[in-house]
Structures are given as C-alpha cells and as structure tokens.
Amino acid sequence: MKKIISSFNNNNSKNIFDLFSTDYQKLNNYNDFEKIIQTYTKRLGKINSNEFWFEGEKGNCYLLEFDNAIMVLIVKLSKENNRV
C-alpha cells in the first residue's frame, strides 16, 4: 500500500501500472490507465490516510481518505511476484 499511495500522491501512474500482473498489462493500455489516474488525482486530491478494513472474497479491502473523498480500494495479489 505504501508504494501505491506514494505513487498516487506523486502522480506516478507508471509505478502503479507496473504493480499489476503482466496479464493485466497486456490487456490494458498504459496511456488509458494514466488518464484514469490523472483524473482521480485531480478530482480526489492526495491520499491522506489508509486503513486495512477486511479481507474479502475479491481481495484485501482498504479504506482510503483523500483530500476530497473517501474510497474503498480492493487489492488482490497474484502468485506472480505478489503483484496486484
């Protein structure tokens, strides 16, 4: 989570994209991903705090508090180098 938060707050979408599995990266265009992250950072602001909420069926749930919103992020690690 530290790397995701740091990368998000520093507008480094490449670091976040690189955390995803190679299967995800093959199926999804980085430029589109970058635009989505840029939109989120403009609308939500920086992540100020995070808290592990619970382990769910789809992955670990984290409660994120931004400058302008609160959001739940679900992270599921794959067997491939513990990637998202």
PDB file of N, CA and C in Angstrom:
ATOM      1  N   MET A   1       0.816  -1.195   0.000  1.00  0.00           N
ATOM      2  CA  MET A   1       0.000   0.000   0.000  1.00  0.00           C
ATOM      3  C   MET A   1       0.856   1.255   0.000  1.00  0.00           C
ATOM      4  N   LYS A   2       2.002   1.203   0.674  1.00  0.00           N
ATOM      5  CA  LYS A   2       2.856   2.394   0.729  1.00  0.00           C
ATOM      6  C   LYS A   2       3.281   2.831  -0.661  1.00  0.00           C
ATOM      7  N   LYS A   3       3.644   1.864  -1.510  1.00  0.00           N
ATOM      8  CA  LYS A   3       4.086   2.201  -2.865  1.00  0.00           C
ATOM      9  C   LYS A   3       2.935   2.752  -3.693  1.00  0.00           C
ATOM     10  N   ILE A   4       1.759   2.177  -3.541  1.00  0.00           N
ATOM     11  CA  ILE A   4       0.588   2.668  -4.279  1.00  0.00           C
ATOM     12  C   ILE A   4       0.272   4.096  -3.859  1.00  0.00           C
ATOM     13  N   ILE A   5       0.242   4.345  -2.559  1.00  0.00           N
ATOM     14  CA  ILE A   5      -0.094   5.678  -2.057  1.00  0.00           C
ATOM     15  C   ILE A   5       0.953   6.704  -2.460  1.00  0.00           C
ATOM     16  N   SER A   6       2.216   6.360  -2.288  1.00  0.00           N
ATOM     17  CA  SER A   6       3.295   7.273  -2.665  1.00  0.00           C
ATOM     18  C   SER A   6       3.246   7.586  -4.163  1.00  0.00           C
ATOM     19  N   SER A   7       3.045   6.571  -4.969  1.00  0.00           N
ATOM     20  CA  SER A   7       2.987   6.767  -6.425  1.00  0.00           C
ATOM     21  C   SER A   7       1.783   7.609  -6.806  1.00  0.00           C
ATOM     22  N   PHE A   8       0.635   7.347  -6.188  1.00  0.00           N
ATOM     23  CA  PHE A   8      -0.571   8.121  -6.477  1.00  0.00           C
ATOM     24  C   PHE A   8      -0.371   9.581  -6.095  1.00  0.00           C
ATOM     25  N   ASN A   9       0.142   9.818  -4.893  1.00  0.00           N
ATOM     26  CA  ASN A   9       0.320  11.188  -4.415  1.00  0.00           C
ATOM     27  C   ASN A   9       1.382  11.955  -5.194  1.00  0.00           C
ATOM     28  N   ASN A  10       2.300  11.228  -5.840  1.00  0.00           N
ATOM     29  CA  ASN A  10       3.336  11.872  -6.650  1.00  0.00           C
ATOM     30  C   ASN A  10       3.031  11.806  -8.144  1.00  0.00           C
ATOM     31  N   ASN A  11       1.786  11.490  -8.474  1.00  0.00           N
ATOM     32  CA  ASN A  11       1.335  11.407  -9.873  1.00  0.00           C
ATOM     33  C   ASN A  11       2.214  10.493 -10.715  1.00  0.00           C
ATOM     34  N   ASN A  12       2.636   9.375 -10.146  1.00  0.00           N
ATOM     35  CA  ASN A  12       3.476   8.428 -10.861  1.00  0.00           C
ATOM     36  C   ASN A  12       2.660   7.191 -11.210  1.00  0.00           C
ATOM     37  N   SER A  13       1.839   7.319 -12.235  1.00  0.00           N
ATOM     38  CA  SER A  13       0.962   6.220 -12.628  1.00  0.00           C
ATOM     39  C   SER A  13       1.738   5.020 -13.155  1.00  0.00           C
ATOM     40  N   LYS A  14       2.932   5.238 -13.685  1.00  0.00           N
ATOM     41  CA  LYS A  14       3.754   4.130 -14.204  1.00  0.00           C
ATOM     42  C   LYS A  14       4.113   3.157 -13.083  1.00  0.00           C
ATOM     43  N   ASN A  15       4.470   3.666 -11.913  1.00  0.00           N
ATOM     44  CA  ASN A  15       4.786   2.790 -10.779  1.00  0.00           C
ATOM     45  C   ASN A  15       3.576   1.946 -10.386  1.00  0.00           C
ATOM     46  N   ILE A  16       2.401   2.530 -10.426  1.00  0.00           N
ATOM     47  CA  ILE A  16       1.187   1.784 -10.083  1.00  0.00           C
ATOM     48  C   ILE A  16       0.904   0.738 -11.151  1.00  0.00           C
ATOM     49  N   PHE A  17       0.978   1.133 -12.409  1.00  0.00           N
ATOM     50  CA  PHE A  17       0.721   0.211 -13.521  1.00  0.00           C
ATOM     51  C   PHE A  17       1.672  -0.984 -13.463  1.00  0.00           C
ATOM     52  N   ASP A  18       2.931  -0.732 -13.117  1.00  0.00           N
ATOM     53  CA  ASP A  18       3.926  -1.804 -13.049  1.00  0.00           C
ATOM     54  C   ASP A  18       3.630  -2.820 -11.945  1.00  0.00           C
ATOM     55  N   LEU A  19       2.785  -2.465 -10.978  1.00  0.00           N
ATOM     56  CA  LEU A  19       2.417  -3.393  -9.915  1.00  0.00           C
ATOM     57  C   LEU A  19       1.412  -4.451 -10.380  1.00  0.00           C
ATOM     58  N   PHE A  20       0.719  -4.163 -11.471  1.00  0.00           N
ATOM     59  CA  PHE A  20      -0.277  -5.095 -11.981  1.00  0.00           C
ATOM     60  C   PHE A  20       0.395  -6.269 -12.688  1.00  0.00           C
ATOM     61  N   SER A  21      -0.309  -7.376 -12.738  1.00  0.00           N
ATOM     62  CA  SER A  21       0.214  -8.575 -13.395  1.00  0.00           C
ATOM     63  C   SER A  21       0.473  -8.300 -14.875  1.00  0.00           C
ATOM     64  N   THR A  22       1.334  -9.104 -15.458  1.00  0.00           N
ATOM     65  CA  THR A  22       1.627  -8.943 -16.886  1.00  0.00           C
ATOM     66  C   THR A  22       0.377  -9.208 -17.726  1.00  0.00           C
ATOM     67  N   ASP A  23      -0.505 -10.094 -17.271  1.00  0.00           N
ATOM     68  CA  ASP A  23      -1.759 -10.342 -17.992  1.00  0.00           C
ATOM     69  C   ASP A  23      -2.601  -9.069 -18.053  1.00  0.00           C
ATOM     70  N   TYR A  24      -2.702  -8.371 -16.923  1.00  0.00           N
ATOM     71  CA  TYR A  24      -3.447  -7.112 -16.887  1.00  0.00           C
ATOM     72  C   TYR A  24      -2.802  -6.091 -17.813  1.00  0.00           C
ATOM     73  N   GLN A  25      -1.481  -5.997 -17.744  1.00  0.00           N
ATOM     74  CA  GLN A  25      -0.762  -5.013 -18.552  1.00  0.00           C
ATOM     75  C   GLN A  25      -0.920  -5.287 -20.047  1.00  0.00           C
ATOM     76  N   LYS A  26      -1.004  -6.550 -20.429  1.00  0.00           N
ATOM     77  CA  LYS A  26      -1.189  -6.893 -21.846  1.00  0.00           C
ATOM     78  C   LYS A  26      -2.574  -6.512 -22.337  1.00  0.00           C
ATOM     79  N   LEU A  27      -3.557  -6.628 -21.460  1.00  0.00           N
ATOM     80  CA  LEU A  27      -4.943  -6.368 -21.839  1.00  0.00           C
ATOM     81  C   LEU A  27      -5.345  -4.904 -21.739  1.00  0.00           C
ATOM     82  N   ASN A  28      -4.583  -4.116 -21.000  1.00  0.00           N
ATOM     83  CA  ASN A  28      -4.955  -2.723 -20.745  1.00  0.00           C
ATOM     84  C   ASN A  28      -3.845  -1.775 -21.181  1.00  0.00           C
ATOM     85  N   ASN A  29      -4.238  -0.764 -21.879  1.00  0.00           N
ATOM     86  CA  ASN A  29      -3.308   0.220 -22.412  1.00  0.00           C
ATOM     87  C   ASN A  29      -2.825   1.157 -21.310  1.00  0.00           C
ATOM     88  N   TYR A  30      -1.510   1.348 -21.225  1.00  0.00           N
ATOM     89  CA  TYR A  30      -0.960   2.224 -20.181  1.00  0.00           C
ATOM     90  C   TYR A  30      -1.466   3.654 -20.321  1.00  0.00           C
ATOM     91  N   ASN A  31      -1.549   4.165 -21.528  1.00  0.00           N
ATOM     92  CA  ASN A  31      -1.984   5.561 -21.717  1.00  0.00           C
ATOM     93  C   ASN A  31      -3.393   5.784 -21.176  1.00  0.00           C
ATOM     94  N   ASP A  32      -4.280   4.803 -21.365  1.00  0.00           N
ATOM     95  CA  ASP A  32      -5.633   4.907 -20.810  1.00  0.00           C
ATOM     96  C   ASP A  32      -5.589   4.861 -19.283  1.00  0.00           C
ATOM     97  N   PHE A  33      -4.764   3.971 -18.749  1.00  0.00           N
ATOM     98  CA  PHE A  33      -4.605   3.862 -17.303  1.00  0.00           C
ATOM     99  C   PHE A  33      -4.093   5.179 -16.723  1.00  0.00           C
ATOM    100  N   GLU A  34      -3.111   5.770 -17.383  1.00  0.00           N
ATOM    101  CA  GLU A  34      -2.537   7.036 -16.925  1.00  0.00           C
ATOM    102  C   GLU A  34      -3.592   8.135 -16.878  1.00  0.00           C
ATOM    103  N   LYS A  35      -4.447   8.195 -17.892  1.00  0.00           N
ATOM    104  CA  LYS A  35      -5.515   9.204 -17.922  1.00  0.00           C
ATOM    105  C   LYS A  35      -6.489   9.018 -16.764  1.00  0.00           C
ATOM    106  N   ILE A  36      -6.789   7.763 -16.448  1.00  0.00           N
ATOM    107  CA  ILE A  36      -7.699   7.477 -15.333  1.00  0.00           C
ATOM    108  C   ILE A  36      -7.085   7.947 -14.021  1.00  0.00           C
ATOM    109  N   ILE A  37      -5.820   7.617 -13.796  1.00  0.00           N
ATOM    110  CA  ILE A  37      -5.142   8.025 -12.562  1.00  0.00           C
ATOM    111  C   ILE A  37      -5.076   9.549 -12.470  1.00  0.00           C
ATOM    112  N   GLN A  38      -4.777  10.225 -13.578  1.00  0.00           N
ATOM    113  CA  GLN A  38      -4.723  11.684 -13.581  1.00  0.00           C
ATOM    114  C   GLN A  38      -6.085  12.287 -13.227  1.00  0.00           C
ATOM    115  N   THR A  39      -7.145  11.688 -13.748  1.00  0.00           N
ATOM    116  CA  THR A  39      -8.499  12.157 -13.435  1.00  0.00           C
ATOM    117  C   THR A  39      -8.790  11.981 -11.947  1.00  0.00           C
ATOM    118  N   TYR A  40      -8.427  10.811 -11.413  1.00  0.00           N
ATOM    119  CA  TYR A  40      -8.627  10.577  -9.974  1.00  0.00           C
ATOM    120  C   TYR A  40      -7.858  11.581  -9.132  1.00  0.00           C
ATOM    121  N   THR A  41      -6.607  11.834  -9.460  1.00  0.00           N
ATOM    122  CA  THR A  41      -5.811  12.752  -8.635  1.00  0.00           C
ATOM    123  C   THR A  41      -6.387  14.168  -8.686  1.00  0.00           C
ATOM    124  N   LYS A  42      -6.892  14.580  -9.836  1.00  0.00           N
ATOM    125  CA  LYS A  42      -7.490  15.916  -9.939  1.00  0.00           C
ATOM    126  C   LYS A  42      -8.771  16.021  -9.123  1.00  0.00           C
ATOM    127  N   ARG A  43      -9.595  14.988  -9.188  1.00  0.00           N
ATOM    128  CA  ARG A  43     -10.893  15.038  -8.509  1.00  0.00           C
ATOM    129  C   ARG A  43     -10.808  14.725  -7.022  1.00  0.00           C
ATOM    130  N   LEU A  44      -9.966  13.749  -6.662  1.00  0.00           N
ATOM    131  CA  LEU A  44      -9.939  13.270  -5.282  1.00  0.00           C
ATOM    132  C   LEU A  44      -8.898  13.957  -4.410  1.00  0.00           C
ATOM    133  N   GLY A  45      -7.829  14.455  -5.031  1.00  0.00           N
ATOM    134  CA  GLY A  45      -6.728  15.010  -4.261  1.00  0.00           C
ATOM    135  C   GLY A  45      -5.784  13.910  -3.816  1.00  0.00           C
ATOM    136  N   LYS A  46      -4.950  14.211  -2.840  1.00  0.00           N
ATOM    137  CA  LYS A  46      -3.965  13.246  -2.342  1.00  0.00           C
ATOM    138  C   LYS A  46      -4.590  12.306  -1.316  1.00  0.00           C
ATOM    139  N   ILE A  47      -3.977  11.129  -1.185  1.00  0.00           N
ATOM    140  CA  ILE A  47      -4.397  10.182  -0.151  1.00  0.00           C
ATOM    141  C   ILE A  47      -3.749  10.615   1.158  1.00  0.00           C
ATOM    142  N   ASN A  48      -4.571  10.884   2.155  1.00  0.00           N
ATOM    143  CA  ASN A  48      -4.077  11.354   3.448  1.00  0.00           C
ATOM    144  C   ASN A  48      -3.916  10.230   4.468  1.00  0.00           C
ATOM    145  N   SER A  49      -4.753   9.205   4.354  1.00  0.00           N
ATOM    146  CA  SER A  49      -4.643   8.090   5.280  1.00  0.00           C
ATOM    147  C   SER A  49      -5.245   6.842   4.660  1.00  0.00           C
ATOM    148  N   ASN A  50      -4.831   5.692   5.184  1.00  0.00           N
ATOM    149  CA  ASN A  50      -5.391   4.428   4.741  1.00  0.00           C
ATOM    150  C   ASN A  50      -5.491   3.499   5.940  1.00  0.00           C
ATOM    151  N   GLU A  51      -6.445   2.604   5.844  1.00  0.00           N
ATOM    152  CA  GLU A  51      -6.650   1.657   6.936  1.00  0.00           C
ATOM    153  C   GLU A  51      -7.088   0.329   6.332  1.00  0.00           C
ATOM    154  N   PHE A  52      -6.417  -0.758   6.752  1.00  0.00           N
ATOM    155  CA  PHE A  52      -6.872  -2.080   6.338  1.00  0.00           C
ATOM    156  C   PHE A  52      -8.245  -2.281   6.936  1.00  0.00           C
ATOM    157  N   TRP A  53      -9.180  -2.661   6.096  1.00  0.00           N
ATOM    158  CA  TRP A  53     -10.550  -2.798   6.555  1.00  0.00           C
ATOM    159  C   TRP A  53     -10.881  -4.256   6.827  1.00  0.00           C
ATOM    160  N   PHE A  54     -10.775  -5.098   5.788  1.00  0.00           N
ATOM    161  CA  PHE A  54     -11.016  -6.527   5.975  1.00  0.00           C
ATOM    162  C   PHE A  54     -10.541  -7.293   4.746  1.00  0.00           C
ATOM    163  N   GLU A  55     -10.392  -8.586   4.931  1.00  0.00           N
ATOM    164  CA  GLU A  55     -10.038  -9.463   3.817  1.00  0.00           C
ATOM    165  C   GLU A  55     -11.336 -10.002   3.238  1.00  0.00           C
ATOM    166  N   GLY A  56     -11.589  -9.655   1.991  1.00  0.00           N
ATOM    167  CA  GLY A  56     -12.828 -10.066   1.351  1.00  0.00           C
ATOM    168  C   GLY A  56     -12.598 -11.154   0.323  1.00  0.00           C
ATOM    169  N   GLU A  57     -13.662 -11.586  -0.266  1.00  0.00           N
ATOM    170  CA  GLU A  57     -13.610 -12.632  -1.287  1.00  0.00           C
ATOM    171  C   GLU A  57     -12.794 -12.196  -2.499  1.00  0.00           C
ATOM    172  N   LYS A  58     -12.868 -10.931  -2.846  1.00  0.00           N
ATOM    173  CA  LYS A  58     -12.166 -10.407  -4.025  1.00  0.00           C
ATOM    174  C   LYS A  58     -10.768  -9.896  -3.713  1.00  0.00           C
ATOM    175  N   GLY A  59     -10.399  -9.797  -2.432  1.00  0.00           N
ATOM    176  CA  GLY A  59      -9.076  -9.312  -2.051  1.00  0.00           C
ATOM    177  C   GLY A  59      -9.139  -8.544  -0.744  1.00  0.00           C
ATOM    178  N   ASN A  60      -8.034  -7.907  -0.400  1.00  0.00           N
ATOM    179  CA  ASN A  60      -7.972  -7.101   0.819  1.00  0.00           C
ATOM    180  C   ASN A  60      -8.590  -5.735   0.566  1.00  0.00           C
ATOM    181  N   CYS A  61      -9.424  -5.299   1.488  1.00  0.00           N
ATOM    182  CA  CYS A  61     -10.112  -4.015   1.349  1.00  0.00           C
ATOM    183  C   CYS A  61      -9.444  -2.980   2.255  1.00  0.00           C
ATOM    184  N   TYR A  62      -9.156  -1.836   1.667  1.00  0.00           N
ATOM    185  CA  TYR A  62      -8.544  -0.726   2.397  1.00  0.00           C
ATOM    186  C   TYR A  62      -9.445   0.486   2.282  1.00  0.00           C
ATOM    187  N   LEU A  63      -9.600   1.185   3.372  1.00  0.00           N
ATOM    188  CA  LEU A  63     -10.345   2.434   3.377  1.00  0.00           C
ATOM    189  C   LEU A  63      -9.341   3.562   3.170  1.00  0.00           C
ATOM    190  N   LEU A  64      -9.509   4.331   2.102  1.00  0.00           N
ATOM    191  CA  LEU A  64      -8.602   5.428   1.774  1.00  0.00           C
ATOM    192  C   LEU A  64      -9.312   6.759   1.986  1.00  0.00           C
ATOM    193  N   GLU A  65      -8.634   7.688   2.656  1.00  0.00           N
ATOM    194  CA  GLU A  65      -9.161   9.032   2.843  1.00  0.00           C
ATOM    195  C   GLU A  65      -8.335   9.983   1.989  1.00  0.00           C
ATOM    196  N   PHE A  66      -9.007  10.642   1.056  1.00  0.00           N
ATOM    197  CA  PHE A  66      -8.392  11.612   0.160  1.00  0.00           C
ATOM    198  C   PHE A  66      -8.703  13.021   0.652  1.00  0.00           C
ATOM    199  N   ASP A  67      -8.135  14.019  -0.005  1.00  0.00           N
ATOM    200  CA  ASP A  67      -8.474  15.408   0.306  1.00  0.00           C
ATOM    201  C   ASP A  67      -9.964  15.663   0.130  1.00  0.00           C
ATOM    202  N   ASN A  68     -10.549  15.059  -0.932  1.00  0.00           N
ATOM    203  CA  ASN A  68     -11.920  15.384  -1.303  1.00  0.00           C
ATOM    204  C   ASN A  68     -12.896  14.216  -1.283  1.00  0.00           C
ATOM    205  N   ALA A  69     -12.480  13.071  -0.770  1.00  0.00           N
ATOM    206  CA  ALA A  69     -13.369  11.903  -0.807  1.00  0.00           C
ATOM    207  C   ALA A  69     -12.836  10.790   0.089  1.00  0.00           C
ATOM    208  N   ILE A  70     -13.668   9.786   0.266  1.00  0.00           N
ATOM    209  CA  ILE A  70     -13.285   8.549   0.939  1.00  0.00           C
ATOM    210  C   ILE A  70     -13.641   7.416  -0.011  1.00  0.00           C
ATOM    211  N   MET A  71     -12.754   6.428  -0.132  1.00  0.00           N
ATOM    212  CA  MET A  71     -12.957   5.357  -1.095  1.00  0.00           C
ATOM    213  C   MET A  71     -12.459   4.037  -0.520  1.00  0.00           C
ATOM    214  N   VAL A  72     -13.064   2.946  -0.962  1.00  0.00           N
ATOM    215  CA  VAL A  72     -12.576   1.614  -0.627  1.00  0.00           C
ATOM    216  C   VAL A  72     -11.781   1.099  -1.824  1.00  0.00           C
ATOM    217  N   LEU A  73     -10.574   0.628  -1.562  1.00  0.00           N
ATOM    218  CA  LEU A  73      -9.714   0.050  -2.588  1.00  0.00           C
ATOM    219  C   LEU A  73      -9.572  -1.434  -2.288  1.00  0.00           C
ATOM    220  N   ILE A  74      -9.804  -2.267  -3.293  1.00  0.00           N
ATOM    221  CA  ILE A  74      -9.649  -3.715  -3.130  1.00  0.00           C
ATOM    222  C   ILE A  74      -8.388  -4.138  -3.854  1.00  0.00           C
ATOM    223  N   VAL A  75      -7.481  -4.778  -3.123  1.00  0.00           N
ATOM    224  CA  VAL A  75      -6.199  -5.218  -3.672  1.00  0.00           C
ATOM    225  C   VAL A  75      -6.128  -6.734  -3.561  1.00  0.00           C
ATOM    226  N   LYS A  76      -5.879  -7.376  -4.687  1.00  0.00           N
ATOM    227  CA  LYS A  76      -5.722  -8.828  -4.695  1.00  0.00           C
ATOM    228  C   LYS A  76      -4.368  -9.144  -5.309  1.00  0.00           C
ATOM    229  N   LEU A  77      -3.531  -9.821  -4.547  1.00  0.00           N
ATOM    230  CA  LEU A  77      -2.206 -10.184  -5.037  1.00  0.00           C
ATOM    231  C   LEU A  77      -2.283 -11.469  -5.840  1.00  0.00           C
ATOM    232  N   SER A  78      -1.510 -11.500  -6.921  1.00  0.00           N
ATOM    233  CA  SER A  78      -1.415 -12.720  -7.723  1.00  0.00           C
ATOM    234  C   SER A  78      -0.174 -13.497  -7.298  1.00  0.00           C
ATOM    235  N   LYS A  79      -0.056 -14.690  -7.785  1.00  0.00           N
ATOM    236  CA  LYS A  79       1.102 -15.518  -7.474  1.00  0.00           C
ATOM    237  C   LYS A  79       2.349 -14.989  -8.168  1.00  0.00           C
ATOM    238  N   GLU A  80       2.176 -14.183  -9.191  1.00  0.00           N
ATOM    239  CA  GLU A  80       3.285 -13.638  -9.984  1.00  0.00           C
ATOM    240  C   GLU A  80       3.943 -12.498  -9.220  1.00  0.00           C
ATOM    241  N   ASN A  81       4.955 -12.809  -8.441  1.00  0.00           N
ATOM    242  CA  ASN A  81       5.723 -11.797  -7.708  1.00  0.00           C
ATOM    243  C   ASN A  81       4.863 -10.923  -6.804  1.00  0.00           C
ATOM    244  N   ASN A  82       3.819 -11.502  -6.255  1.00  0.00           N
ATOM    245  CA  ASN A  82       2.918 -10.741  -5.365  1.00  0.00           C
ATOM    246  C   ASN A  82       2.416  -9.458  -6.015  1.00  0.00           C
ATOM    247  N   ARG A  83       2.056  -9.556  -7.252  1.00  0.00           N
ATOM    248  CA  ARG A  83       1.527  -8.384  -7.966  1.00  0.00           C
ATOM    249  C   ARG A  83       0.046  -8.240  -7.754  1.00  0.00           C
ATOM    250  N   VAL A  84      -0.429  -7.045  -8.020  1.00  0.00           N
ATOM    251  CA  VAL A  84      -1.837  -6.719  -7.858  1.00  0.00           C
ATOM    252  C   VAL A  84      -2.643  -7.384  -8.950  1.00  0.00           C
TER     253      VAL A  84
END
